[in-house]
Amino acid sequence: MGFLPVSRADMDGLGWDVLDFLYISGDAYVDHPSFGHAIIMRVLESKGYRVGIVAQPDWRSVKDFLVLGRPRLGVLIASGNLDSMVNHYTTSK
């Protein structure tokens, strides 16, 4: 079990033309069970789905969101471990 694809080259190395699910995360990609996105994607992978991750995309451009192509079944999007509303209203600004 290797790392999940994060680039088109990774997909080509696996012989994949298209993903089933694309996960877009505001966090860095860390493939460890203490990270929610890793658990979700590994469960989907264990069920036979082709999954890939776009980590910390530049939200000002669509380029990062299109790097792995359009998935066949769906896109999962998460802001990351720290919710944006918590970040907005925190005293640690």
PDB file of N, CA and C in Angstrom:
ATOM      1  N   MET A   1       0.857  -1.177   0.000  1.00  0.00           N
ATOM      2  CA  MET A   1       0.000   0.000   0.000  1.00  0.00           C
ATOM      3  C   MET A   1       0.899   1.236   0.000  1.00  0.00           C
ATOM      4  N   GLY A   2       0.896   1.945  -1.118  1.00  0.00           N
ATOM      5  CA  GLY A   2       1.702   3.149  -1.244  1.00  0.00           C
ATOM      6  C   GLY A   2       0.893   4.390  -0.911  1.00  0.00           C
ATOM      7  N   PHE A   3       1.495   5.518  -1.144  1.00  0.00           N
ATOM      8  CA  PHE A   3       0.806   6.781  -0.921  1.00  0.00           C
ATOM      9  C   PHE A   3      -0.323   6.957  -1.929  1.00  0.00           C
ATOM     10  N   LEU A   4      -1.311   7.727  -1.550  1.00  0.00           N
ATOM     11  CA  LEU A   4      -2.414   8.036  -2.455  1.00  0.00           C
ATOM     12  C   LEU A   4      -1.940   9.057  -3.489  1.00  0.00           C
ATOM     13  N   PRO A   5      -2.518   9.035  -4.685  1.00  0.00           N
ATOM     14  CA  PRO A   5      -2.091   9.968  -5.729  1.00  0.00           C
ATOM     15  C   PRO A   5      -2.356  11.428  -5.363  1.00  0.00           C
ATOM     16  N   VAL A   6      -1.346  12.256  -5.604  1.00  0.00           N
ATOM     17  CA  VAL A   6      -1.481  13.702  -5.404  1.00  0.00           C
ATOM     18  C   VAL A   6      -1.146  14.463  -6.686  1.00  0.00           C
ATOM     19  N   SER A   7      -0.816  13.722  -7.739  1.00  0.00           N
ATOM     20  CA  SER A   7      -0.481  14.352  -9.020  1.00  0.00           C
ATOM     21  C   SER A   7      -0.916  13.437 -10.161  1.00  0.00           C
ATOM     22  N   ARG A   8      -0.938  13.989 -11.355  1.00  0.00           N
ATOM     23  CA  ARG A   8      -1.280  13.197 -12.540  1.00  0.00           C
ATOM     24  C   ARG A   8      -0.219  12.118 -12.764  1.00  0.00           C
ATOM     25  N   ALA A   9       1.034  12.425 -12.461  1.00  0.00           N
ATOM     26  CA  ALA A   9       2.108  11.436 -12.608  1.00  0.00           C
ATOM     27  C   ALA A   9       1.877  10.237 -11.690  1.00  0.00           C
ATOM     28  N   ASP A  10       1.394  10.493 -10.472  1.00  0.00           N
ATOM     29  CA  ASP A  10       1.064   9.395  -9.551  1.00  0.00           C
ATOM     30  C   ASP A  10      -0.037   8.516 -10.131  1.00  0.00           C
ATOM     31  N   MET A  11      -1.057   9.151 -10.706  1.00  0.00           N
ATOM     32  CA  MET A  11      -2.153   8.394 -11.320  1.00  0.00           C
ATOM     33  C   MET A  11      -1.646   7.571 -12.505  1.00  0.00           C
ATOM     34  N   ASP A  12      -0.791   8.168 -13.322  1.00  0.00           N
ATOM     35  CA  ASP A  12      -0.230   7.452 -14.470  1.00  0.00           C
ATOM     36  C   ASP A  12       0.577   6.241 -14.013  1.00  0.00           C
ATOM     37  N   GLY A  13       1.313   6.408 -12.906  1.00  0.00           N
ATOM     38  CA  GLY A  13       2.097   5.305 -12.357  1.00  0.00           C
ATOM     39  C   GLY A  13       1.240   4.134 -11.903  1.00  0.00           C
ATOM     40  N   LEU A  14       0.005   4.423 -11.508  1.00  0.00           N
ATOM     41  CA  LEU A  14      -0.936   3.379 -11.096  1.00  0.00           C
ATOM     42  C   LEU A  14      -1.758   2.848 -12.265  1.00  0.00           C
ATOM     43  N   GLY A  15      -1.612   3.488 -13.420  1.00  0.00           N
ATOM     44  CA  GLY A  15      -2.387   3.089 -14.590  1.00  0.00           C
ATOM     45  C   GLY A  15      -3.828   3.574 -14.558  1.00  0.00           C
ATOM     46  N   TRP A  16      -4.074   4.659 -13.829  1.00  0.00           N
ATOM     47  CA  TRP A  16      -5.430   5.204 -13.685  1.00  0.00           C
ATOM     48  C   TRP A  16      -5.631   6.370 -14.639  1.00  0.00           C
ATOM     49  N   ASP A  17      -6.774   6.378 -15.310  1.00  0.00           N
ATOM     50  CA  ASP A  17      -7.155   7.514 -16.147  1.00  0.00           C
ATOM     51  C   ASP A  17      -8.013   8.503 -15.378  1.00  0.00           C
ATOM     52  N   VAL A  18      -8.830   7.977 -14.449  1.00  0.00           N
ATOM     53  CA  VAL A  18      -9.775   8.814 -13.711  1.00  0.00           C
ATOM     54  C   VAL A  18      -9.914   8.289 -12.285  1.00  0.00           C
ATOM     55  N   LEU A  19     -10.146   9.210 -11.352  1.00  0.00           N
ATOM     56  CA  LEU A  19     -10.409   8.842  -9.961  1.00  0.00           C
ATOM     57  C   LEU A  19     -11.896   8.586  -9.768  1.00  0.00           C
ATOM     58  N   ASP A  20     -12.233   7.823  -8.737  1.00  0.00           N
ATOM     59  CA  ASP A  20     -13.627   7.703  -8.323  1.00  0.00           C
ATOM     60  C   ASP A  20     -13.984   8.857  -7.387  1.00  0.00           C
ATOM     61  N   PHE A  21     -13.083   9.132  -6.431  1.00  0.00           N
ATOM     62  CA  PHE A  21     -13.301  10.212  -5.475  1.00  0.00           C
ATOM     63  C   PHE A  21     -12.059  11.082  -5.378  1.00  0.00           C
ATOM     64  N   LEU A  22     -12.282  12.372  -5.289  1.00  0.00           N
ATOM     65  CA  LEU A  22     -11.221  13.350  -5.079  1.00  0.00           C
ATOM     66  C   LEU A  22     -11.478  14.027  -3.744  1.00  0.00           C
ATOM     67  N   TYR A  23     -10.464  14.044  -2.889  1.00  0.00           N
ATOM     68  CA  TYR A  23     -10.576  14.695  -1.586  1.00  0.00           C
ATOM     69  C   TYR A  23      -9.745  15.971  -1.625  1.00  0.00           C
ATOM     70  N   ILE A  24     -10.379  17.095  -1.344  1.00  0.00           N
ATOM     71  CA  ILE A  24      -9.687  18.384  -1.302  1.00  0.00           C
ATOM     72  C   ILE A  24      -9.623  18.813   0.153  1.00  0.00           C
ATOM     73  N   SER A  25      -8.409  19.020   0.652  1.00  0.00           N
ATOM     74  CA  SER A  25      -8.213  19.323   2.064  1.00  0.00           C
ATOM     75  C   SER A  25      -7.401  20.597   2.247  1.00  0.00           C
ATOM     76  N   GLY A  26      -7.784  21.369   3.243  1.00  0.00           N
ATOM     77  CA  GLY A  26      -7.020  22.554   3.605  1.00  0.00           C
ATOM     78  C   GLY A  26      -5.752  22.215   4.360  1.00  0.00           C
ATOM     79  N   ASP A  27      -5.654  20.971   4.827  1.00  0.00           N
ATOM     80  CA  ASP A  27      -4.460  20.502   5.537  1.00  0.00           C
ATOM     81  C   ASP A  27      -3.457  19.894   4.568  1.00  0.00           C
ATOM     82  N   ALA A  28      -2.249  19.742   5.047  1.00  0.00           N
ATOM     83  CA  ALA A  28      -1.243  19.007   4.285  1.00  0.00           C
ATOM     84  C   ALA A  28      -1.637  17.530   4.252  1.00  0.00           C
ATOM     85  N   TYR A  29      -1.197  16.819   3.231  1.00  0.00           N
ATOM     86  CA  TYR A  29      -1.480  15.383   3.131  1.00  0.00           C
ATOM     87  C   TYR A  29      -0.491  14.624   4.002  1.00  0.00           C
ATOM     88  N   VAL A  30      -1.014  14.021   5.059  1.00  0.00           N
ATOM     89  CA  VAL A  30      -0.227  13.157   5.932  1.00  0.00           C
ATOM     90  C   VAL A  30      -0.943  11.820   5.967  1.00  0.00           C
ATOM     91  N   ASP A  31      -0.290  10.784   5.496  1.00  0.00           N
ATOM     92  CA  ASP A  31      -0.912   9.462   5.407  1.00  0.00           C
ATOM     93  C   ASP A  31      -0.696   8.703   6.715  1.00  0.00           C
ATOM     94  N   HIS A  32      -1.474   9.079   7.726  1.00  0.00           N
ATOM     95  CA  HIS A  32      -1.366   8.483   9.060  1.00  0.00           C
ATOM     96  C   HIS A  32      -2.756   8.414   9.668  1.00  0.00           C
ATOM     97  N   PRO A  33      -3.067   7.353  10.420  1.00  0.00           N
ATOM     98  CA  PRO A  33      -4.425   7.201  10.955  1.00  0.00           C
ATOM     99  C   PRO A  33      -4.851   8.262  11.973  1.00  0.00           C
ATOM    100  N   SER A  34      -3.968   9.150  12.367  1.00  0.00           N
ATOM    101  CA  SER A  34      -4.391  10.227  13.261  1.00  0.00           C
ATOM    102  C   SER A  34      -4.974  11.408  12.482  1.00  0.00           C
ATOM    103  N   PHE A  35      -4.974  11.318  11.154  1.00  0.00           N
ATOM    104  CA  PHE A  35      -5.525  12.366  10.304  1.00  0.00           C
ATOM    105  C   PHE A  35      -6.790  11.862   9.633  1.00  0.00           C
ATOM    106  N   GLY A  36      -7.872  12.614   9.792  1.00  0.00           N
ATOM    107  CA  GLY A  36      -9.179  12.201   9.294  1.00  0.00           C
ATOM    108  C   GLY A  36      -9.220  11.927   7.812  1.00  0.00           C
ATOM    109  N   HIS A  37      -8.576  12.783   7.013  1.00  0.00           N
ATOM    110  CA  HIS A  37      -8.629  12.566   5.566  1.00  0.00           C
ATOM    111  C   HIS A  37      -7.937  11.266   5.170  1.00  0.00           C
ATOM    112  N   ALA A  38      -6.891  10.893   5.884  1.00  0.00           N
ATOM    113  CA  ALA A  38      -6.206   9.634   5.576  1.00  0.00           C
ATOM    114  C   ALA A  38      -7.113   8.445   5.870  1.00  0.00           C
ATOM    115  N   ILE A  39      -7.842   8.497   6.974  1.00  0.00           N
ATOM    116  CA  ILE A  39      -8.755   7.402   7.325  1.00  0.00           C
ATOM    117  C   ILE A  39      -9.860   7.277   6.286  1.00  0.00           C
ATOM    118  N   ILE A  40     -10.497   8.400   5.962  1.00  0.00           N
ATOM    119  CA  ILE A  40     -11.603   8.379   4.996  1.00  0.00           C
ATOM    120  C   ILE A  40     -11.144   7.812   3.658  1.00  0.00           C
ATOM    121  N   MET A  41     -10.023   8.290   3.172  1.00  0.00           N
ATOM    122  CA  MET A  41      -9.559   7.861   1.857  1.00  0.00           C
ATOM    123  C   MET A  41      -9.083   6.413   1.860  1.00  0.00           C
ATOM    124  N   ARG A  42      -8.477   5.963   2.942  1.00  0.00           N
ATOM    125  CA  ARG A  42      -8.035   4.562   3.018  1.00  0.00           C
ATOM    126  C   ARG A  42      -9.227   3.609   3.113  1.00  0.00           C
ATOM    127  N   VAL A  43     -10.292   4.015   3.792  1.00  0.00           N
ATOM    128  CA  VAL A  43     -11.504   3.182   3.833  1.00  0.00           C
ATOM    129  C   VAL A  43     -12.093   3.061   2.432  1.00  0.00           C
ATOM    130  N   LEU A  44     -12.203   4.180   1.719  1.00  0.00           N
ATOM    131  CA  LEU A  44     -12.712   4.132   0.344  1.00  0.00           C
ATOM    132  C   LEU A  44     -11.808   3.271  -0.543  1.00  0.00           C
ATOM    133  N   GLU A  45     -10.507   3.423  -0.374  1.00  0.00           N
ATOM    134  CA  GLU A  45      -9.563   2.628  -1.158  1.00  0.00           C
ATOM    135  C   GLU A  45      -9.728   1.135  -0.863  1.00  0.00           C
ATOM    136  N   SER A  46      -9.956   0.787   0.407  1.00  0.00           N
ATOM    137  CA  SER A  46     -10.120  -0.623   0.781  1.00  0.00           C
ATOM    138  C   SER A  46     -11.374  -1.241   0.171  1.00  0.00           C
ATOM    139  N   LYS A  47     -12.338  -0.407  -0.199  1.00  0.00           N
ATOM    140  CA  LYS A  47     -13.569  -0.877  -0.843  1.00  0.00           C
ATOM    141  C   LYS A  47     -13.439  -0.933  -2.365  1.00  0.00           C
ATOM    142  N   GLY A  48     -12.241  -0.629  -2.869  1.00  0.00           N
ATOM    143  CA  GLY A  48     -11.989  -0.750  -4.299  1.00  0.00           C
ATOM    144  C   GLY A  48     -12.102   0.535  -5.094  1.00  0.00           C
ATOM    145  N   TYR A  49     -12.328   1.653  -4.421  1.00  0.00           N
ATOM    146  CA  TYR A  49     -12.435   2.926  -5.133  1.00  0.00           C
ATOM    147  C   TYR A  49     -11.052   3.506  -5.410  1.00  0.00           C
ATOM    148  N   ARG A  50     -10.960   4.234  -6.495  1.00  0.00           N
ATOM    149  CA  ARG A  50      -9.738   4.962  -6.837  1.00  0.00           C
ATOM    150  C   ARG A  50      -9.863   6.360  -6.257  1.00  0.00           C
ATOM    151  N   VAL A  51      -8.951   6.693  -5.354  1.00  0.00           N
ATOM    152  CA  VAL A  51      -9.049   7.960  -4.636  1.00  0.00           C
ATOM    153  C   VAL A  51      -7.751   8.745  -4.771  1.00  0.00           C
ATOM    154  N   GLY A  52      -7.873  10.069  -4.706  1.00  0.00           N
ATOM    155  CA  GLY A  52      -6.719  10.949  -4.753  1.00  0.00           C
ATOM    156  C   GLY A  52      -6.964  12.172  -3.889  1.00  0.00           C
ATOM    157  N   ILE A  53      -5.896  12.851  -3.550  1.00  0.00           N
ATOM    158  CA  ILE A  53      -5.981  13.998  -2.641  1.00  0.00           C
ATOM    159  C   ILE A  53      -5.325  15.227  -3.262  1.00  0.00           C
ATOM    160  N   VAL A  54      -6.009  16.358  -3.132  1.00  0.00           N
ATOM    161  CA  VAL A  54      -5.423  17.664  -3.418  1.00  0.00           C
ATOM    162  C   VAL A  54      -5.317  18.359  -2.066  1.00  0.00           C
ATOM    163  N   ALA A  55      -4.091  18.552  -1.603  1.00  0.00           N
ATOM    164  CA  ALA A  55      -3.867  19.146  -0.289  1.00  0.00           C
ATOM    165  C   ALA A  55      -3.449  20.607  -0.426  1.00  0.00           C
ATOM    166  N   GLN A  56      -4.029  21.434   0.410  1.00  0.00           N
ATOM    167  CA  GLN A  56      -3.720  22.861   0.487  1.00  0.00           C
ATOM    168  C   GLN A  56      -3.714  23.547  -0.885  1.00  0.00           C
ATOM    169  N   PRO A  57      -4.817  23.452  -1.619  1.00  0.00           N
ATOM    170  CA  PRO A  57      -4.861  24.102  -2.937  1.00  0.00           C
ATOM    171  C   PRO A  57      -4.897  25.626  -2.816  1.00  0.00           C
ATOM    172  N   ASP A  58      -4.422  26.287  -3.837  1.00  0.00           N
ATOM    173  CA  ASP A  58      -4.517  27.749  -3.906  1.00  0.00           C
ATOM    174  C   ASP A  58      -5.952  28.094  -4.302  1.00  0.00           C
ATOM    175  N   TRP A  59      -6.714  28.622  -3.382  1.00  0.00           N
ATOM    176  CA  TRP A  59      -8.136  28.885  -3.618  1.00  0.00           C
ATOM    177  C   TRP A  59      -8.364  30.052  -4.566  1.00  0.00           C
ATOM    178  N   ARG A  60      -7.321  30.783  -4.907  1.00  0.00           N
ATOM    179  CA  ARG A  60      -7.479  31.920  -5.814  1.00  0.00           C
ATOM    180  C   ARG A  60      -7.468  31.501  -7.282  1.00  0.00           C
ATOM    181  N   SER A  61      -7.181  30.232  -7.538  1.00  0.00           N
ATOM    182  CA  SER A  61      -7.065  29.740  -8.910  1.00  0.00           C
ATOM    183  C   SER A  61      -7.703  28.353  -9.011  1.00  0.00           C
ATOM    184  N   VAL A  62      -8.226  28.024 -10.176  1.00  0.00           N
ATOM    185  CA  VAL A  62      -8.810  26.690 -10.370  1.00  0.00           C
ATOM    186  C   VAL A  62      -7.751  25.647 -10.729  1.00  0.00           C
ATOM    187  N   LYS A  63      -6.541  26.076 -11.027  1.00  0.00           N
ATOM    188  CA  LYS A  63      -5.487  25.175 -11.489  1.00  0.00           C
ATOM    189  C   LYS A  63      -5.257  24.001 -10.528  1.00  0.00           C
ATOM    190  N   ASP A  64      -5.120  24.282  -9.237  1.00  0.00           N
ATOM    191  CA  ASP A  64      -4.866  23.219  -8.261  1.00  0.00           C
ATOM    192  C   ASP A  64      -6.038  22.249  -8.147  1.00  0.00           C
ATOM    193  N   PHE A  65      -7.245  22.744  -8.341  1.00  0.00           N
ATOM    194  CA  PHE A  65      -8.431  21.899  -8.208  1.00  0.00           C
ATOM    195  C   PHE A  65      -8.597  20.949  -9.396  1.00  0.00           C
ATOM    196  N   LEU A  66      -7.960  21.249 -10.501  1.00  0.00           N
ATOM    197  CA  LEU A  66      -8.094  20.444 -11.714  1.00  0.00           C
ATOM    198  C   LEU A  66      -6.924  19.499 -11.949  1.00  0.00           C
ATOM    199  N   VAL A  67      -5.943  19.512 -11.064  1.00  0.00           N
ATOM    200  CA  VAL A  67      -4.704  18.765 -11.290  1.00  0.00           C
ATOM    201  C   VAL A  67      -4.935  17.258 -11.442  1.00  0.00           C
ATOM    202  N   LEU A  68      -5.920  16.698 -10.763  1.00  0.00           N
ATOM    203  CA  LEU A  68      -6.185  15.259 -10.862  1.00  0.00           C
ATOM    204  C   LEU A  68      -7.367  14.938 -11.766  1.00  0.00           C
ATOM    205  N   GLY A  69      -7.920  15.941 -12.398  1.00  0.00           N
ATOM    206  CA  GLY A  69      -9.046  15.721 -13.300  1.00  0.00           C
ATOM    207  C   GLY A  69     -10.375  15.615 -12.559  1.00  0.00           C
ATOM    208  N   ARG A  70     -11.426  15.445 -13.334  1.00  0.00           N
ATOM    209  CA  ARG A  70     -12.776  15.341 -12.771  1.00  0.00           C
ATOM    210  C   ARG A  70     -13.027  13.906 -12.303  1.00  0.00           C
ATOM    211  N   PRO A  71     -13.384  13.707 -11.030  1.00  0.00           N
ATOM    212  CA  PRO A  71     -13.625  12.350 -10.541  1.00  0.00           C
ATOM    213  C   PRO A  71     -14.939  11.779 -11.075  1.00  0.00           C
ATOM    214  N   ARG A  72     -14.997  10.456 -11.119  1.00  0.00           N
ATOM    215  CA  ARG A  72     -16.161   9.764 -11.662  1.00  0.00           C
ATOM    216  C   ARG A  72     -17.374   9.862 -10.738  1.00  0.00           C
ATOM    217  N   LEU A  73     -17.174   9.763  -9.413  1.00  0.00           N
ATOM    218  CA  LEU A  73     -18.304   9.701  -8.484  1.00  0.00           C
ATOM    219  C   LEU A  73     -18.502  10.942  -7.617  1.00  0.00           C
ATOM    220  N   GLY A  74     -17.433  11.554  -7.143  1.00  0.00           N
ATOM    221  CA  GLY A  74     -17.657  12.704  -6.277  1.00  0.00           C
ATOM    222  C   GLY A  74     -16.395  13.365  -5.769  1.00  0.00           C
ATOM    223  N   VAL A  75     -16.617  14.528  -5.167  1.00  0.00           N
ATOM    224  CA  VAL A  75     -15.550  15.320  -4.558  1.00  0.00           C
ATOM    225  C   VAL A  75     -15.889  15.504  -3.088  1.00  0.00           C
ATOM    226  N   LEU A  76     -14.916  15.257  -2.234  1.00  0.00           N
ATOM    227  CA  LEU A  76     -15.062  15.482  -0.800  1.00  0.00           C
ATOM    228  C   LEU A  76     -14.197  16.688  -0.452  1.00  0.00           C
ATOM    229  N   ILE A  77     -14.753  17.659   0.251  1.00  0.00           N
ATOM    230  CA  ILE A  77     -14.021  18.891   0.553  1.00  0.00           C
ATOM    231  C   ILE A  77     -14.056  19.144   2.053  1.00  0.00           C
ATOM    232  N   ALA A  78     -12.888  19.449   2.621  1.00  0.00           N
ATOM    233  CA  ALA A  78     -12.801  19.777   4.041  1.00  0.00           C
ATOM    234  C   ALA A  78     -11.828  20.934   4.221  1.00  0.00           C
ATOM    235  N   SER A  79     -12.152  21.793   5.167  1.00  0.00           N
ATOM    236  CA  SER A  79     -11.287  22.948   5.408  1.00  0.00           C
ATOM    237  C   SER A  79     -10.006  22.556   6.125  1.00  0.00           C
ATOM    238  N   GLY A  80     -10.002  21.421   6.757  1.00  0.00           N
ATOM    239  CA  GLY A  80      -8.841  20.976   7.514  1.00  0.00           C
ATOM    240  C   GLY A  80      -9.205  20.790   8.972  1.00  0.00           C
ATOM    241  N   ASN A  81      -8.196  20.597   9.810  1.00  0.00           N
ATOM    242  CA  ASN A  81      -8.439  20.338  11.227  1.00  0.00           C
ATOM    243  C   ASN A  81      -8.980  21.547  11.970  1.00  0.00           C
ATOM    244  N   LEU A  82      -8.634  22.738  11.540  1.00  0.00           N
ATOM    245  CA  LEU A  82      -9.119  23.946  12.193  1.00  0.00           C
ATOM    246  C   LEU A  82     -10.183  24.587  11.320  1.00  0.00           C
ATOM    247  N   ASP A  83     -11.395  24.594  11.805  1.00  0.00           N
ATOM    248  CA  ASP A  83     -12.505  25.160  11.047  1.00  0.00           C
ATOM    249  C   ASP A  83     -12.288  26.651  10.824  1.00  0.00           C
ATOM    250  N   SER A  84     -12.694  27.145   9.690  1.00  0.00           N
ATOM    251  CA  SER A  84     -12.465  28.548   9.344  1.00  0.00           C
ATOM    252  C   SER A  84     -13.176  29.505  10.295  1.00  0.00           C
ATOM    253  N   MET A  85     -14.341  29.132  10.802  1.00  0.00           N
ATOM    254  CA  MET A  85     -15.050  30.012  11.744  1.00  0.00           C
ATOM    255  C   MET A  85     -14.303  30.097  13.073  1.00  0.00           C
ATOM    256  N   VAL A  86     -13.741  28.985  13.522  1.00  0.00           N
ATOM    257  CA  VAL A  86     -12.943  29.002  14.747  1.00  0.00           C
ATOM    258  C   VAL A  86     -11.725  29.885  14.534  1.00  0.00           C
ATOM    259  N   ASN A  87     -11.086  29.727  13.405  1.00  0.00           N
ATOM    260  CA  ASN A  87      -9.913  30.523  13.081  1.00  0.00           C
ATOM    261  C   ASN A  87     -10.258  32.010  13.014  1.00  0.00           C
ATOM    262  N   HIS A  88     -11.420  32.331  12.473  1.00  0.00           N
ATOM    263  CA  HIS A  88     -11.836  33.724  12.327  1.00  0.00           C
ATOM    264  C   HIS A  88     -12.086  34.392  13.680  1.00  0.00           C
ATOM    265  N   TYR A  89     -12.677  33.672  14.605  1.00  0.00           N
ATOM    266  CA  TYR A  89     -13.062  34.266  15.881  1.00  0.00           C
ATOM    267  C   TYR A  89     -12.099  33.966  17.027  1.00  0.00           C
ATOM    268  N   THR A  90     -10.976  33.365  16.758  1.00  0.00           N
ATOM    269  CA  THR A  90     -10.041  33.024  17.817  1.00  0.00           C
ATOM    270  C   THR A  90      -9.272  34.258  18.291  1.00  0.00           C
ATOM    271  N   THR A  91      -8.762  34.175  19.503  1.00  0.00           N
ATOM    272  CA  THR A  91      -7.993  35.296  20.054  1.00  0.00           C
ATOM    273  C   THR A  91      -6.532  35.240  19.644  1.00  0.00           C
ATOM    274  N   SER A  92      -6.142  34.197  18.944  1.00  0.00           N
ATOM    275  CA  SER A  92      -4.730  34.052  18.575  1.00  0.00           C
ATOM    276  C   SER A  92      -4.370  34.783  17.291  1.00  0.00           C
ATOM    277  N   LYS A  93      -5.211  35.711  16.861  1.00  0.00           N
ATOM    278  CA  LYS A  93      -4.919  36.456  15.629  1.00  0.00           C
ATOM    279  C   LYS A  93      -3.660  37.218  15.810  1.00  0.00           C
TER     280      LYS A  93
END
